[in-house]
Protein backbone atom coordinates (compact mmCIF):
# COMPACT_ATOMS: atom_id res chain seq x y z
CA MET A 1 0.00 0.00 0.00
CA ILE A 2 1.12 3.55 -0.69
CA ASN A 3 0.60 6.41 1.75
CA ARG A 4 2.61 9.37 0.44
CA VAL A 5 1.84 13.08 0.71
CA VAL A 6 3.72 15.97 -0.90
CA LEU A 7 2.68 19.53 -0.01
CA VAL A 8 3.90 23.03 -0.76
CA GLY A 9 2.41 25.93 1.12
CA ARG A 10 2.85 28.70 3.63
CA LEU A 11 2.71 28.34 7.41
CA THR A 12 -0.45 29.84 8.90
CA ARG A 13 1.19 30.52 12.28
CA ASP A 14 4.55 30.05 13.98
CA PRO A 15 5.46 26.39 14.55
CA GLU A 16 4.93 25.03 18.07
CA MET A 17 7.75 22.83 19.37
CA ARG A 18 7.50 20.64 22.47
CA TYR A 19 9.46 17.77 23.92
CA THR A 20 8.07 14.38 24.84
CA GLN A 21 8.69 12.94 28.31
CA SER A 22 11.62 11.03 26.84
CA GLY A 23 13.16 14.25 25.46
CA ILE A 24 12.28 13.88 21.77
CA ALA A 25 11.45 17.13 19.95
CA VAL A 26 8.09 17.34 18.16
CA THR A 27 6.89 20.37 16.20
CA ARG A 28 3.38 21.01 14.90
CA PHE A 29 2.43 23.53 12.24
CA THR A 30 -0.30 24.15 9.66
CA LEU A 31 0.30 24.66 5.95
CA ALA A 32 -2.06 26.66 3.74
CA CYS A 33 -2.04 25.06 0.28
CA ASP A 34 -3.85 26.74 -2.60
CA ARG A 35 -6.33 24.68 -4.57
CA PRO A 36 -5.68 24.61 -8.32
CA PHE A 37 -9.08 26.13 -9.13
CA THR A 38 -11.24 29.04 -8.00
CA GLY A 39 -14.56 28.83 -6.19
CA GLN A 40 -17.93 30.00 -7.47
CA ASP A 41 -17.20 33.53 -6.27
CA GLY A 42 -14.00 33.63 -8.37
CA LYS A 43 -11.68 33.52 -5.37
CA ARG A 44 -8.96 30.93 -4.94
CA GLU A 45 -9.57 28.61 -2.00
CA ALA A 46 -7.00 26.97 0.22
CA ASP A 47 -6.74 23.86 2.35
CA PHE A 48 -5.24 24.11 5.83
CA ILE A 49 -3.31 20.94 6.56
CA ASP A 50 -1.91 20.04 9.97
CA CYS A 51 1.65 18.70 9.94
CA VAL A 52 3.90 17.17 12.59
CA VAL A 53 7.66 16.63 12.41
CA TRP A 54 9.96 14.86 14.87
CA ARG A 55 13.52 14.97 16.28
CA LYS A 56 16.25 17.20 14.80
CA GLN A 57 14.12 18.31 11.89
CA ALA A 58 11.48 19.45 14.39
CA GLU A 59 14.08 21.68 16.05
CA ASN A 60 15.13 23.09 12.66
CA VAL A 61 11.53 23.84 11.66
CA ALA A 62 10.86 25.60 14.96
CA GLN A 63 14.08 27.62 14.67
CA TYR A 64 13.98 28.66 11.00
CA LEU A 65 10.33 28.74 9.89
CA LYS A 66 7.68 31.20 11.00
CA LYS A 67 4.22 32.36 9.99
CA GLY A 68 4.16 32.99 6.23
CA SER A 69 7.27 30.92 5.42
CA LEU A 70 7.09 28.86 2.24
CA ALA A 71 7.78 25.18 2.94
CA GLY A 72 7.63 21.84 1.18
CA VAL A 73 6.56 18.81 3.19
CA GLU A 74 6.90 15.16 2.24
CA GLY A 75 5.45 12.50 4.48
CA ARG A 76 2.47 10.25 5.17
CA LEU A 77 -1.13 10.87 6.14
CA GLN A 78 -2.09 9.68 9.62
CA ILE A 79 -5.60 9.59 11.08
CA SER A 80 -5.90 9.49 14.86
CA SER A 81 -8.91 9.58 17.14
CA TYR A 82 -9.61 10.86 20.63
CA ASP A 83 -12.58 11.49 22.93
CA ASP A 84 -13.41 15.15 23.61
CA LYS A 85 -14.75 16.64 26.87
CA GLU A 86 -18.33 15.63 26.02
CA GLY A 87 -17.27 12.03 25.34
CA GLN A 88 -17.65 12.38 21.56
CA ARG A 89 -15.21 10.49 19.37
CA ARG A 90 -13.18 12.99 17.25
CA TYR A 91 -10.86 12.22 14.36
CA ARG A 92 -7.81 14.17 13.36
CA ALA A 93 -5.93 13.96 10.06
CA GLU A 94 -2.34 15.16 9.95
CA VAL A 95 0.75 14.70 7.79
CA VAL A 96 3.66 13.09 9.60
CA ALA A 97 6.59 14.71 7.81
CA ASP A 98 9.62 12.70 6.76
CA SER A 99 11.17 15.77 5.14
CA VAL A 100 10.54 19.50 5.42
CA ARG A 101 12.19 21.77 2.86
CA PHE A 102 12.64 25.48 3.41
CA LEU A 103 11.68 26.91 0.01
CA GLU A 104 12.80 30.50 0.48
CA SER A 105 15.58 32.28 2.29
CA ARG A 106 15.05 33.72 5.74
CA ASN A 107 15.50 37.24 4.38
CA ALA A 108 12.79 36.65 1.78
CA SER A 109 10.29 35.40 4.36
CA ARG A 110 10.92 38.38 6.66
CA SER A 111 9.50 40.91 4.21
CA SER A 112 6.77 39.37 2.11
CA ASP A 113 6.09 42.61 0.22
CA SER A 114 9.65 42.98 -1.12
CA ASP A 115 11.29 41.01 -3.89
CA SER A 116 12.49 37.65 -2.54
CA TYR A 117 15.75 37.77 -4.45
CA SER A 118 16.58 41.46 -4.34
CA SER A 119 20.14 42.70 -4.21
CA ASN A 120 19.82 43.83 -0.59
CA SER A 121 19.16 40.30 0.66
CA ASN A 122 22.30 38.44 1.66
CA THR A 123 21.71 35.47 -0.60
CA GLY A 124 24.32 35.99 -3.27
CA GLY A 125 21.64 35.95 -5.95
CA ASN A 126 20.89 32.26 -5.70
CA GLY A 127 18.33 32.24 -2.88
CA ASN A 128 20.78 30.50 -0.56
CA ALA A 129 20.71 32.24 2.82
CA ALA A 130 23.89 30.51 3.94
CA GLY A 131 25.88 32.84 1.71
CA TRP A 132 27.54 30.07 -0.30
CA GLY A 133 26.63 31.74 -3.58
CA SER A 134 27.95 35.12 -2.46
CA GLN A 135 31.31 33.60 -1.51
CA GLN A 136 31.52 31.92 -4.90
CA GLN A 137 30.59 35.15 -6.67
CA GLN A 138 33.25 37.08 -4.79
CA ASN A 139 35.88 34.56 -5.83
CA ASN A 140 34.83 34.81 -9.47
CA SER A 141 34.40 38.58 -9.54
CA SER A 142 37.80 39.13 -11.16
CA SER A 143 36.98 36.86 -14.09
CA PRO A 144 35.08 38.41 -17.02
CA ALA A 145 31.33 37.92 -17.16
CA PRO A 146 29.91 35.58 -19.77
CA ALA A 147 28.78 37.22 -22.99
CA SER A 148 25.14 36.27 -22.40
CA SER A 149 24.84 38.01 -19.01
CA SER A 150 22.93 41.26 -18.87
CA SER A 151 21.84 43.73 -16.23
CA ASN A 152 18.65 41.77 -15.55
CA SER A 153 20.30 38.39 -15.02
CA GLY A 154 19.19 36.22 -12.13
CA PHE A 155 16.01 34.31 -11.40
CA GLY A 156 13.79 36.49 -13.57
CA ALA A 157 16.09 36.49 -16.60
CA ASP A 158 15.14 34.53 -19.72
CA PRO A 159 18.04 32.16 -20.49
CA PHE A 160 16.88 31.85 -24.10
CA SER A 161 16.88 35.55 -24.94
CA GLY A 162 20.32 35.65 -26.51
CA GLY A 163 18.98 37.88 -29.27
CA SER A 164 19.91 35.56 -32.12
CA SER A 165 17.49 33.23 -33.84
CA ILE A 166 17.97 29.48 -34.09
CA ASP A 167 17.81 27.88 -37.51
CA LEU A 168 15.99 24.52 -37.21
CA SER A 169 14.35 22.38 -39.80
CA ASP A 170 11.64 19.78 -39.22
CA ASP A 171 14.26 17.06 -39.77
CA ASP A 172 16.16 18.24 -36.68
CA LEU A 173 13.23 17.66 -34.32
CA PRO A 174 12.77 14.23 -32.69
CA PHE A 175 8.97 14.31 -32.96
């Protein structure tokens, strides 16, 4: 049997980390995932999916993610039940995460109204908050830039806008 869930969404609130009695970290958070269609009123709807992550990754999620952060979650769906105060049986569906990916830099998630990959964020232009890209760029700054680079290079640049046309015949295409 297959029980696999892959989600991409934004956190609806700050993650809540706790420790079990045996000292294992567990963090709970909720992802808002847009539906691929709009409702009858023309507005896009979202699903709010509860997620739980354990151990070291739980500590990382609690430390680095916050409300509004974009995250990718891979895991399995788990349904649990409990009795509420009135004795009614309640069911809870949640994704038990095997992997949580941080899909934007910390600087980008701090200011949601600014460009995620602007030059004032310390990402080195590659969205990597650790600064690896900026170190690499500094080392290569003395070498000449490639001929295809322009002032608007980066994530928004079109890699196929070299300005020259490509001469192809139908015989060159594999289909």
